[in-house]
Amino acid sequence: MHGLLPLAGRMALDLLLPPVCLTCDRPVEAPGRFCAACFARTGFVTEPCCHCCGQPFAHAGLGGAAGRCPSCLAHAPPWRRARGALRYDAQAAKLMLAFKYADRPDLAAPLAALMARAGAALLRDAELIVPVPLHRRRLFARRYNQAALLALALGRRSLRPAVPDLLVRTRPTVKLGDLGRAARAEVLAGAIAVRPARASLVAGRQVLVVDDVMTSGATAAACAAALLAAGAAAVDVLVAARVPDPRLT
């Protein structure tokens, strides 16, 4: 009987607020799903991809014997593995921009479900889940840290501890969108650190860093460097969307 109560409540809610597609207003069978048309337009990151940064490849030969993209071969990132659930294209942008800027924290759970499938191996190894931090000024303006919502949702799904305030932005940074790799790294140098009160949680642990979108990987690298300096055994990165390199796709 007790098991029927949540089901009855959900059915009643669906009658009042019928579930709609994550990226359009078409009705769907259950909350957190795409309609058939949007699903067909959505690009998921699957093999082949870079074994290190998760960059999708047009074909397996692009990874060579090492299975790594040219960028990771030239400049090995500080993390061990990175994966993304979606290719960041026009379709994914609708979802990510709504989540980030249009007051849609409800999208954290369905995005976390996609991430959990893409990063199943990373979640199995994770002993701690931490989000990329926002500076307090940006957090005040946006009202929530989308990466923290994803980290908490992943923690609930995987039964791994998520610590949303473990990393901290030590200073505000400019938006990185128009900057190159070197400029991004320069902007972020020393801008992310482990909160001293949380440092004891990191030592000897495998840590999973969570963010919404990865472009060059500069932000993830800054987080990984701070965690490794605090004694983390290894750092992996899991994001909702990965910006593809047009040279490789």
C-alpha atoms as a PDB file:
ATOM      1  CA  MET A   1       0.000   0.000   0.000  1.00  0.00           C
ATOM      2  CA  HIS A   2       2.775   2.409   0.954  1.00  0.00           C
ATOM      3  CA  GLY A   3       4.463   1.859  -2.411  1.00  0.00           C
ATOM      4  CA  LEU A   4       1.310   2.929  -4.219  1.00  0.00           C
ATOM      5  CA  LEU A   5       1.165   6.341  -2.547  1.00  0.00           C
ATOM      6  CA  PRO A   6       4.095   7.952  -4.434  1.00  0.00           C
ATOM      7  CA  LEU A   7       2.747   6.502  -7.701  1.00  0.00           C
ATOM      8  CA  ALA A   8      -0.704   7.929  -7.019  1.00  0.00           C
ATOM      9  CA  GLY A   9       0.815  11.295  -6.190  1.00  0.00           C
ATOM     10  CA  ARG A  10       2.826  11.328  -9.401  1.00  0.00           C
ATOM     11  CA  MET A  11      -0.221  10.364 -11.472  1.00  0.00           C
ATOM     12  CA  ALA A  12      -2.194  13.185  -9.893  1.00  0.00           C
ATOM     13  CA  LEU A  13       0.622  15.649 -10.590  1.00  0.00           C
ATOM     14  CA  ASP A  14       0.840  14.479 -14.208  1.00  0.00           C
ATOM     15  CA  LEU A  15      -2.873  15.145 -14.614  1.00  0.00           C
ATOM     16  CA  LEU A  16      -2.496  18.672 -13.274  1.00  0.00           C
ATOM     17  CA  LEU A  17       0.837  19.394 -14.991  1.00  0.00           C
ATOM     18  CA  PRO A  18       1.290  16.983 -17.910  1.00  0.00           C
ATOM     19  CA  PRO A  19       4.981  16.227 -18.560  1.00  0.00           C
ATOM     20  CA  VAL A  20       6.501  17.921 -21.579  1.00  0.00           C
ATOM     21  CA  CYS A  21       9.711  17.430 -23.552  1.00  0.00           C
ATOM     22  CA  LEU A  22      12.924  18.764 -22.040  1.00  0.00           C
ATOM     23  CA  THR A  23      13.512  21.106 -24.983  1.00  0.00           C
ATOM     24  CA  CYS A  24      10.035  21.821 -26.364  1.00  0.00           C
ATOM     25  CA  ASP A  25       6.400  21.810 -25.236  1.00  0.00           C
ATOM     26  CA  ARG A  26       5.361  18.511 -26.800  1.00  0.00           C
ATOM     27  CA  PRO A  27       3.814  16.024 -24.344  1.00  0.00           C
ATOM     28  CA  VAL A  28       5.899  13.021 -23.266  1.00  0.00           C
ATOM     29  CA  GLU A  29       5.154   9.879 -21.293  1.00  0.00           C
ATOM     30  CA  ALA A  30       7.105  10.828 -18.186  1.00  0.00           C
ATOM     31  CA  PRO A  31       8.954  13.872 -16.795  1.00  0.00           C
ATOM     32  CA  GLY A  32      12.589  14.339 -17.786  1.00  0.00           C
ATOM     33  CA  ARG A  33      12.335  12.892 -21.295  1.00  0.00           C
ATOM     34  CA  PHE A  34      12.722  14.135 -24.856  1.00  0.00           C
ATOM     35  CA  CYS A  35       9.953  13.866 -27.392  1.00  0.00           C
ATOM     36  CA  ALA A  36      10.790  11.684 -30.396  1.00  0.00           C
ATOM     37  CA  ALA A  37      11.664  14.657 -32.613  1.00  0.00           C
ATOM     38  CA  CYS A  38      13.980  16.304 -30.072  1.00  0.00           C
ATOM     39  CA  PHE A  39      15.591  12.992 -29.200  1.00  0.00           C
ATOM     40  CA  ALA A  40      16.448  12.487 -32.861  1.00  0.00           C
ATOM     41  CA  ARG A  41      18.054  15.939 -32.988  1.00  0.00           C
ATOM     42  CA  THR A  42      20.058  15.485 -29.780  1.00  0.00           C
ATOM     43  CA  GLY A  43      23.722  14.567 -30.141  1.00  0.00           C
ATOM     44  CA  PHE A  44      25.004  12.207 -27.466  1.00  0.00           C
ATOM     45  CA  VAL A  45      28.728  11.730 -26.868  1.00  0.00           C
ATOM     46  CA  THR A  46      29.551   8.090 -27.505  1.00  0.00           C
ATOM     47  CA  GLU A  47      32.577   6.119 -28.618  1.00  0.00           C
ATOM     48  CA  PRO A  48      34.817   6.917 -30.359  1.00  0.00           C
ATOM     49  CA  CYS A  49      36.007   9.782 -28.198  1.00  0.00           C
ATOM     50  CA  CYS A  50      39.253  10.878 -26.566  1.00  0.00           C
ATOM     51  CA  HIS A  51      40.034   8.572 -23.652  1.00  0.00           C
ATOM     52  CA  CYS A  52      41.380  11.517 -21.704  1.00  0.00           C
ATOM     53  CA  CYS A  53      39.117  14.542 -22.320  1.00  0.00           C
ATOM     54  CA  GLY A  54      36.015  12.971 -23.849  1.00  0.00           C
ATOM     55  CA  GLN A  55      36.315  14.945 -27.081  1.00  0.00           C
ATOM     56  CA  PRO A  56      34.112  13.160 -29.663  1.00  0.00           C
ATOM     57  CA  PHE A  57      35.846  11.809 -32.772  1.00  0.00           C
ATOM     58  CA  ALA A  58      34.414  11.495 -36.256  1.00  0.00           C
ATOM     59  CA  HIS A  59      36.057   8.064 -36.444  1.00  0.00           C
ATOM     60  CA  ALA A  60      38.233   5.877 -34.219  1.00  0.00           C
ATOM     61  CA  GLY A  61      41.385   6.498 -36.242  1.00  0.00           C
ATOM     62  CA  LEU A  62      41.603  10.073 -34.989  1.00  0.00           C
ATOM     63  CA  GLY A  63      42.615   8.864 -31.534  1.00  0.00           C
ATOM     64  CA  GLY A  64      45.629   6.911 -32.724  1.00  0.00           C
ATOM     65  CA  ALA A  65      47.136   4.128 -30.658  1.00  0.00           C
ATOM     66  CA  ALA A  66      46.825   6.161 -27.432  1.00  0.00           C
ATOM     67  CA  GLY A  67      43.147   6.962 -27.987  1.00  0.00           C
ATOM     68  CA  ARG A  68      43.851  10.625 -27.252  1.00  0.00           C
ATOM     69  CA  CYS A  69      43.080  13.796 -29.175  1.00  0.00           C
ATOM     70  CA  PRO A  70      45.972  15.971 -30.432  1.00  0.00           C
ATOM     71  CA  SER A  71      45.358  18.504 -27.667  1.00  0.00           C
ATOM     72  CA  CYS A  72      45.712  15.929 -24.877  1.00  0.00           C
ATOM     73  CA  LEU A  73      48.799  14.466 -26.547  1.00  0.00           C
ATOM     74  CA  ALA A  74      50.410  17.899 -26.722  1.00  0.00           C
ATOM     75  CA  HIS A  75      49.289  19.132 -23.291  1.00  0.00           C
ATOM     76  CA  ALA A  76      48.277  16.323 -20.934  1.00  0.00           C
ATOM     77  CA  PRO A  77      45.554  17.637 -18.587  1.00  0.00           C
ATOM     78  CA  PRO A  78      45.856  17.139 -14.819  1.00  0.00           C
ATOM     79  CA  TRP A  79      42.745  14.963 -14.613  1.00  0.00           C
ATOM     80  CA  ARG A  80      42.654  11.240 -15.362  1.00  0.00           C
ATOM     81  CA  ARG A  81      39.477  10.980 -17.484  1.00  0.00           C
ATOM     82  CA  ALA A  82      36.738  13.331 -18.608  1.00  0.00           C
ATOM     83  CA  ARG A  83      33.378  12.509 -20.145  1.00  0.00           C
ATOM     84  CA  GLY A  84      30.383  14.481 -21.397  1.00  0.00           C
ATOM     85  CA  ALA A  85      26.799  13.355 -21.949  1.00  0.00           C
ATOM     86  CA  LEU A  86      25.807  15.637 -24.835  1.00  0.00           C
ATOM     87  CA  ARG A  87      27.548  17.264 -27.754  1.00  0.00           C
ATOM     88  CA  TYR A  88      27.161  21.003 -27.251  1.00  0.00           C
ATOM     89  CA  ASP A  89      25.306  21.978 -30.426  1.00  0.00           C
ATOM     90  CA  ALA A  90      22.215  24.078 -31.156  1.00  0.00           C
ATOM     91  CA  GLN A  91      19.909  21.450 -29.660  1.00  0.00           C
ATOM     92  CA  ALA A  92      21.939  20.990 -26.484  1.00  0.00           C
ATOM     93  CA  ALA A  93      22.303  24.768 -26.151  1.00  0.00           C
ATOM     94  CA  LYS A  94      18.533  25.118 -25.712  1.00  0.00           C
ATOM     95  CA  LEU A  95      18.717  22.807 -22.729  1.00  0.00           C
ATOM     96  CA  MET A  96      21.906  24.132 -21.184  1.00  0.00           C
ATOM     97  CA  LEU A  97      21.064  27.832 -21.525  1.00  0.00           C
ATOM     98  CA  ALA A  98      17.629  27.275 -19.976  1.00  0.00           C
ATOM     99  CA  PHE A  99      19.249  25.409 -17.087  1.00  0.00           C
ATOM    100  CA  LYS A 100      21.942  28.008 -16.559  1.00  0.00           C
ATOM    101  CA  TYR A 101      20.196  31.326 -17.151  1.00  0.00           C
ATOM    102  CA  ALA A 102      16.414  30.818 -17.346  1.00  0.00           C
ATOM    103  CA  ASP A 103      15.745  29.711 -13.759  1.00  0.00           C
ATOM    104  CA  ARG A 104      15.263  26.018 -14.596  1.00  0.00           C
ATOM    105  CA  PRO A 105      16.921  24.139 -11.711  1.00  0.00           C
ATOM    106  CA  ASP A 106      14.413  21.343 -12.348  1.00  0.00           C
ATOM    107  CA  LEU A 107      16.572  20.318 -15.316  1.00  0.00           C
ATOM    108  CA  ALA A 108      19.344  19.136 -12.975  1.00  0.00           C
ATOM    109  CA  ALA A 109      17.778  15.704 -12.389  1.00  0.00           C
ATOM    110  CA  PRO A 110      17.242  14.714 -16.057  1.00  0.00           C
ATOM    111  CA  LEU A 111      20.669  16.062 -17.005  1.00  0.00           C
ATOM    112  CA  ALA A 112      22.227  14.080 -14.163  1.00  0.00           C
ATOM    113  CA  ALA A 113      20.511  10.948 -15.501  1.00  0.00           C
ATOM    114  CA  LEU A 114      22.173  11.481 -18.892  1.00  0.00           C
ATOM    115  CA  MET A 115      25.512  12.172 -17.228  1.00  0.00           C
ATOM    116  CA  ALA A 116      25.254   9.059 -15.064  1.00  0.00           C
ATOM    117  CA  ARG A 117      24.923   6.908 -18.179  1.00  0.00           C
ATOM    118  CA  ALA A 118      27.798   8.615 -20.002  1.00  0.00           C
ATOM    119  CA  GLY A 119      30.060   8.596 -16.957  1.00  0.00           C
ATOM    120  CA  ALA A 120      29.101   5.283 -15.351  1.00  0.00           C
ATOM    121  CA  ALA A 121      32.732   4.165 -15.030  1.00  0.00           C
ATOM    122  CA  LEU A 122      33.737   7.491 -13.478  1.00  0.00           C
ATOM    123  CA  LEU A 123      30.922   7.350 -10.943  1.00  0.00           C
ATOM    124  CA  ARG A 124      31.849   3.793  -9.971  1.00  0.00           C
ATOM    125  CA  ASP A 125      35.365   4.946  -9.055  1.00  0.00           C
ATOM    126  CA  ALA A 126      34.347   8.247  -7.451  1.00  0.00           C
ATOM    127  CA  GLU A 127      34.687   8.555  -3.684  1.00  0.00           C
ATOM    128  CA  LEU A 128      33.686  12.209  -3.622  1.00  0.00           C
ATOM    129  CA  ILE A 129      31.716  14.430  -6.025  1.00  0.00           C
ATOM    130  CA  VAL A 130      32.431  18.165  -6.159  1.00  0.00           C
ATOM    131  CA  PRO A 131      31.088  20.876  -8.462  1.00  0.00           C
ATOM    132  CA  VAL A 132      32.991  23.624 -10.217  1.00  0.00           C
ATOM    133  CA  PRO A 133      32.446  26.641  -7.928  1.00  0.00           C
ATOM    134  CA  LEU A 134      30.959  30.033  -8.734  1.00  0.00           C
ATOM    135  CA  HIS A 135      32.322  33.225  -7.244  1.00  0.00           C
ATOM    136  CA  ARG A 136      29.955  34.588  -4.618  1.00  0.00           C
ATOM    137  CA  ARG A 137      29.107  37.627  -6.763  1.00  0.00           C
ATOM    138  CA  ARG A 138      28.021  35.476  -9.691  1.00  0.00           C
ATOM    139  CA  LEU A 139      26.213  33.103  -7.353  1.00  0.00           C
ATOM    140  CA  PHE A 140      24.277  36.018  -5.882  1.00  0.00           C
ATOM    141  CA  ALA A 141      23.283  37.231  -9.354  1.00  0.00           C
ATOM    142  CA  ARG A 142      22.318  33.772 -10.671  1.00  0.00           C
ATOM    143  CA  ARG A 143      20.865  32.521  -7.347  1.00  0.00           C
ATOM    144  CA  TYR A 144      22.125  28.972  -7.798  1.00  0.00           C
ATOM    145  CA  ASN A 145      25.226  27.149  -8.985  1.00  0.00           C
ATOM    146  CA  GLN A 146      24.113  24.845 -11.790  1.00  0.00           C
ATOM    147  CA  ALA A 147      27.187  22.642 -11.335  1.00  0.00           C
ATOM    148  CA  ALA A 148      26.314  22.158  -7.654  1.00  0.00           C
ATOM    149  CA  LEU A 149      22.774  21.076  -8.559  1.00  0.00           C
ATOM    150  CA  LEU A 150      24.208  18.510 -10.990  1.00  0.00           C
ATOM    151  CA  ALA A 151      26.698  17.253  -8.388  1.00  0.00           C
ATOM    152  CA  LEU A 152      23.973  16.802  -5.765  1.00  0.00           C
ATOM    153  CA  ALA A 153      21.704  15.009  -8.253  1.00  0.00           C
ATOM    154  CA  LEU A 154      24.557  12.693  -9.258  1.00  0.00           C
ATOM    155  CA  GLY A 155      25.328  12.033  -5.621  1.00  0.00           C
ATOM    156  CA  ARG A 156      21.742  10.943  -5.007  1.00  0.00           C
ATOM    157  CA  ARG A 157      21.769   8.675  -8.060  1.00  0.00           C
ATOM    158  CA  SER A 158      25.135   7.069  -7.325  1.00  0.00           C
ATOM    159  CA  LEU A 159      24.978   7.065  -3.515  1.00  0.00           C
ATOM    160  CA  ARG A 160      28.300   8.904  -3.463  1.00  0.00           C
ATOM    161  CA  PRO A 161      28.933  11.886  -1.162  1.00  0.00           C
ATOM    162  CA  ALA A 162      28.615  15.249  -2.914  1.00  0.00           C
ATOM    163  CA  VAL A 163      30.188  18.292  -1.271  1.00  0.00           C
ATOM    164  CA  PRO A 164      28.960  21.446  -3.042  1.00  0.00           C
ATOM    165  CA  ASP A 165      31.190  23.874  -1.139  1.00  0.00           C
ATOM    166  CA  LEU A 166      34.486  21.973  -1.223  1.00  0.00           C
ATOM    167  CA  LEU A 167      35.991  24.145  -3.950  1.00  0.00           C
ATOM    168  CA  VAL A 168      35.909  27.931  -3.822  1.00  0.00           C
ATOM    169  CA  ARG A 169      36.599  30.745  -6.281  1.00  0.00           C
ATOM    170  CA  THR A 170      39.209  32.915  -4.628  1.00  0.00           C
ATOM    171  CA  ARG A 171      38.478  35.846  -6.936  1.00  0.00           C
ATOM    172  CA  PRO A 172      36.007  36.766  -9.690  1.00  0.00           C
ATOM    173  CA  THR A 173      37.102  35.920 -13.228  1.00  0.00           C
ATOM    174  CA  VAL A 174      36.004  37.203 -16.610  1.00  0.00           C
ATOM    175  CA  LYS A 175      33.909  34.997 -18.874  1.00  0.00           C
ATOM    176  CA  LEU A 176      36.129  32.648 -20.844  1.00  0.00           C
ATOM    177  CA  GLY A 177      34.010  32.253 -23.984  1.00  0.00           C
ATOM    178  CA  ASP A 178      36.129  34.330 -26.381  1.00  0.00           C
ATOM    179  CA  LEU A 179      39.543  33.478 -24.922  1.00  0.00           C
ATOM    180  CA  GLY A 180      42.055  30.972 -26.264  1.00  0.00           C
ATOM    181  CA  ARG A 181      43.563  28.098 -24.287  1.00  0.00           C
ATOM    182  CA  ALA A 182      46.560  30.029 -22.942  1.00  0.00           C
ATOM    183  CA  ALA A 183      44.463  33.070 -21.993  1.00  0.00           C
ATOM    184  CA  ARG A 184      41.907  30.890 -20.201  1.00  0.00           C
ATOM    185  CA  ALA A 185      44.629  29.189 -18.180  1.00  0.00           C
ATOM    186  CA  GLU A 186      46.131  32.568 -17.268  1.00  0.00           C
ATOM    187  CA  VAL A 187      42.767  33.931 -16.095  1.00  0.00           C
ATOM    188  CA  LEU A 188      42.125  30.862 -13.925  1.00  0.00           C
ATOM    189  CA  ALA A 189      45.626  30.546 -12.429  1.00  0.00           C
ATOM    190  CA  GLY A 190      45.117  30.431  -8.661  1.00  0.00           C
ATOM    191  CA  ALA A 191      41.424  31.353  -8.962  1.00  0.00           C
ATOM    192  CA  ILE A 192      40.116  28.013  -7.628  1.00  0.00           C
ATOM    193  CA  ALA A 193      41.160  26.429  -4.350  1.00  0.00           C
ATOM    194  CA  VAL A 194      40.073  23.778  -1.871  1.00  0.00           C
ATOM    195  CA  ARG A 195      38.194  25.335   1.039  1.00  0.00           C
ATOM    196  CA  PRO A 196      40.508  24.906   4.058  1.00  0.00           C
ATOM    197  CA  ALA A 197      37.701  23.593   6.269  1.00  0.00           C
ATOM    198  CA  ARG A 198      37.047  20.814   3.716  1.00  0.00           C
ATOM    199  CA  ALA A 199      40.647  19.882   2.900  1.00  0.00           C
ATOM    200  CA  SER A 200      40.621  16.756   5.089  1.00  0.00           C
ATOM    201  CA  LEU A 201      37.930  15.230   2.856  1.00  0.00           C
ATOM    202  CA  VAL A 202      40.188  15.235  -0.202  1.00  0.00           C
ATOM    203  CA  ALA A 203      43.389  13.468   0.871  1.00  0.00           C
ATOM    204  CA  GLY A 204      43.794  10.047  -0.728  1.00  0.00           C
ATOM    205  CA  ARG A 205      40.386  10.079  -2.415  1.00  0.00           C
ATOM    206  CA  GLN A 206      39.307   9.719  -6.010  1.00  0.00           C
ATOM    207  CA  VAL A 207      37.350  12.889  -6.754  1.00  0.00           C
ATOM    208  CA  LEU A 208      34.835  13.525  -9.522  1.00  0.00           C
ATOM    209  CA  VAL A 209      34.546  17.158 -10.657  1.00  0.00           C
ATOM    210  CA  VAL A 210      31.162  18.086 -12.142  1.00  0.00           C
ATOM    211  CA  ASP A 211      30.250  20.978 -14.445  1.00  0.00           C
ATOM    212  CA  ASP A 212      27.576  21.861 -16.975  1.00  0.00           C
ATOM    213  CA  VAL A 213      29.694  22.523 -20.095  1.00  0.00           C
ATOM    214  CA  MET A 214      33.327  21.844 -21.011  1.00  0.00           C
ATOM    215  CA  THR A 215      34.974  23.815 -23.811  1.00  0.00           C
ATOM    216  CA  SER A 216      38.764  23.916 -23.580  1.00  0.00           C
ATOM    217  CA  GLY A 217      38.890  22.229 -20.184  1.00  0.00           C
ATOM    218  CA  ALA A 218      40.682  25.158 -18.512  1.00  0.00           C
ATOM    219  CA  THR A 219      38.190  25.395 -15.639  1.00  0.00           C
ATOM    220  CA  ALA A 220      38.238  21.647 -15.041  1.00  0.00           C
ATOM    221  CA  ALA A 221      42.038  21.725 -15.114  1.00  0.00           C
ATOM    222  CA  ALA A 222      42.129  24.470 -12.480  1.00  0.00           C
ATOM    223  CA  CYS A 223      39.812  22.410 -10.255  1.00  0.00           C
ATOM    224  CA  ALA A 224      41.846  19.238 -10.777  1.00  0.00           C
ATOM    225  CA  ALA A 225      45.108  21.032  -9.992  1.00  0.00           C
ATOM    226  CA  ALA A 226      43.682  22.396  -6.727  1.00  0.00           C
ATOM    227  CA  LEU A 227      42.372  18.967  -5.690  1.00  0.00           C
ATOM    228  CA  LEU A 228      45.623  17.184  -6.532  1.00  0.00           C
ATOM    229  CA  ALA A 229      47.586  19.801  -4.595  1.00  0.00           C
ATOM    230  CA  ALA A 230      45.332  19.049  -1.618  1.00  0.00           C
ATOM    231  CA  GLY A 231      46.225  15.355  -1.824  1.00  0.00           C
ATOM    232  CA  ALA A 232      43.537  13.804  -4.027  1.00  0.00           C
ATOM    233  CA  ALA A 233      44.551  10.377  -5.330  1.00  0.00           C
ATOM    234  CA  ALA A 234      43.039  11.068  -8.756  1.00  0.00           C
ATOM    235  CA  VAL A 235      40.562  13.441 -10.394  1.00  0.00           C
ATOM    236  CA  ASP A 236      37.991  12.672 -13.085  1.00  0.00           C
ATOM    237  CA  VAL A 237      35.631  15.155 -14.757  1.00  0.00           C
ATOM    238  CA  LEU A 238      32.000  14.669 -15.798  1.00  0.00           C
ATOM    239  CA  VAL A 239      30.008  17.331 -17.639  1.00  0.00           C
ATOM    240  CA  ALA A 240      26.519  17.587 -19.084  1.00  0.00           C
ATOM    241  CA  ALA A 241      27.738  18.861 -22.463  1.00  0.00           C
ATOM    242  CA  ARG A 242      31.051  18.773 -24.308  1.00  0.00           C
ATOM    243  CA  VAL A 243      31.854  21.397 -26.955  1.00  0.00           C
ATOM    244  CA  PRO A 244      33.158  19.406 -29.939  1.00  0.00           C
ATOM    245  CA  ASP A 245      36.326  20.407 -31.750  1.00  0.00           C
ATOM    246  CA  PRO A 246      35.256  20.944 -35.386  1.00  0.00           C
ATOM    247  CA  ARG A 247      38.659  19.668 -36.537  1.00  0.00           C
ATOM    248  CA  LEU A 248      37.861  16.248 -35.078  1.00  0.00           C
ATOM    249  CA  THR A 249      34.164  15.940 -35.849  1.00  0.00           C
END
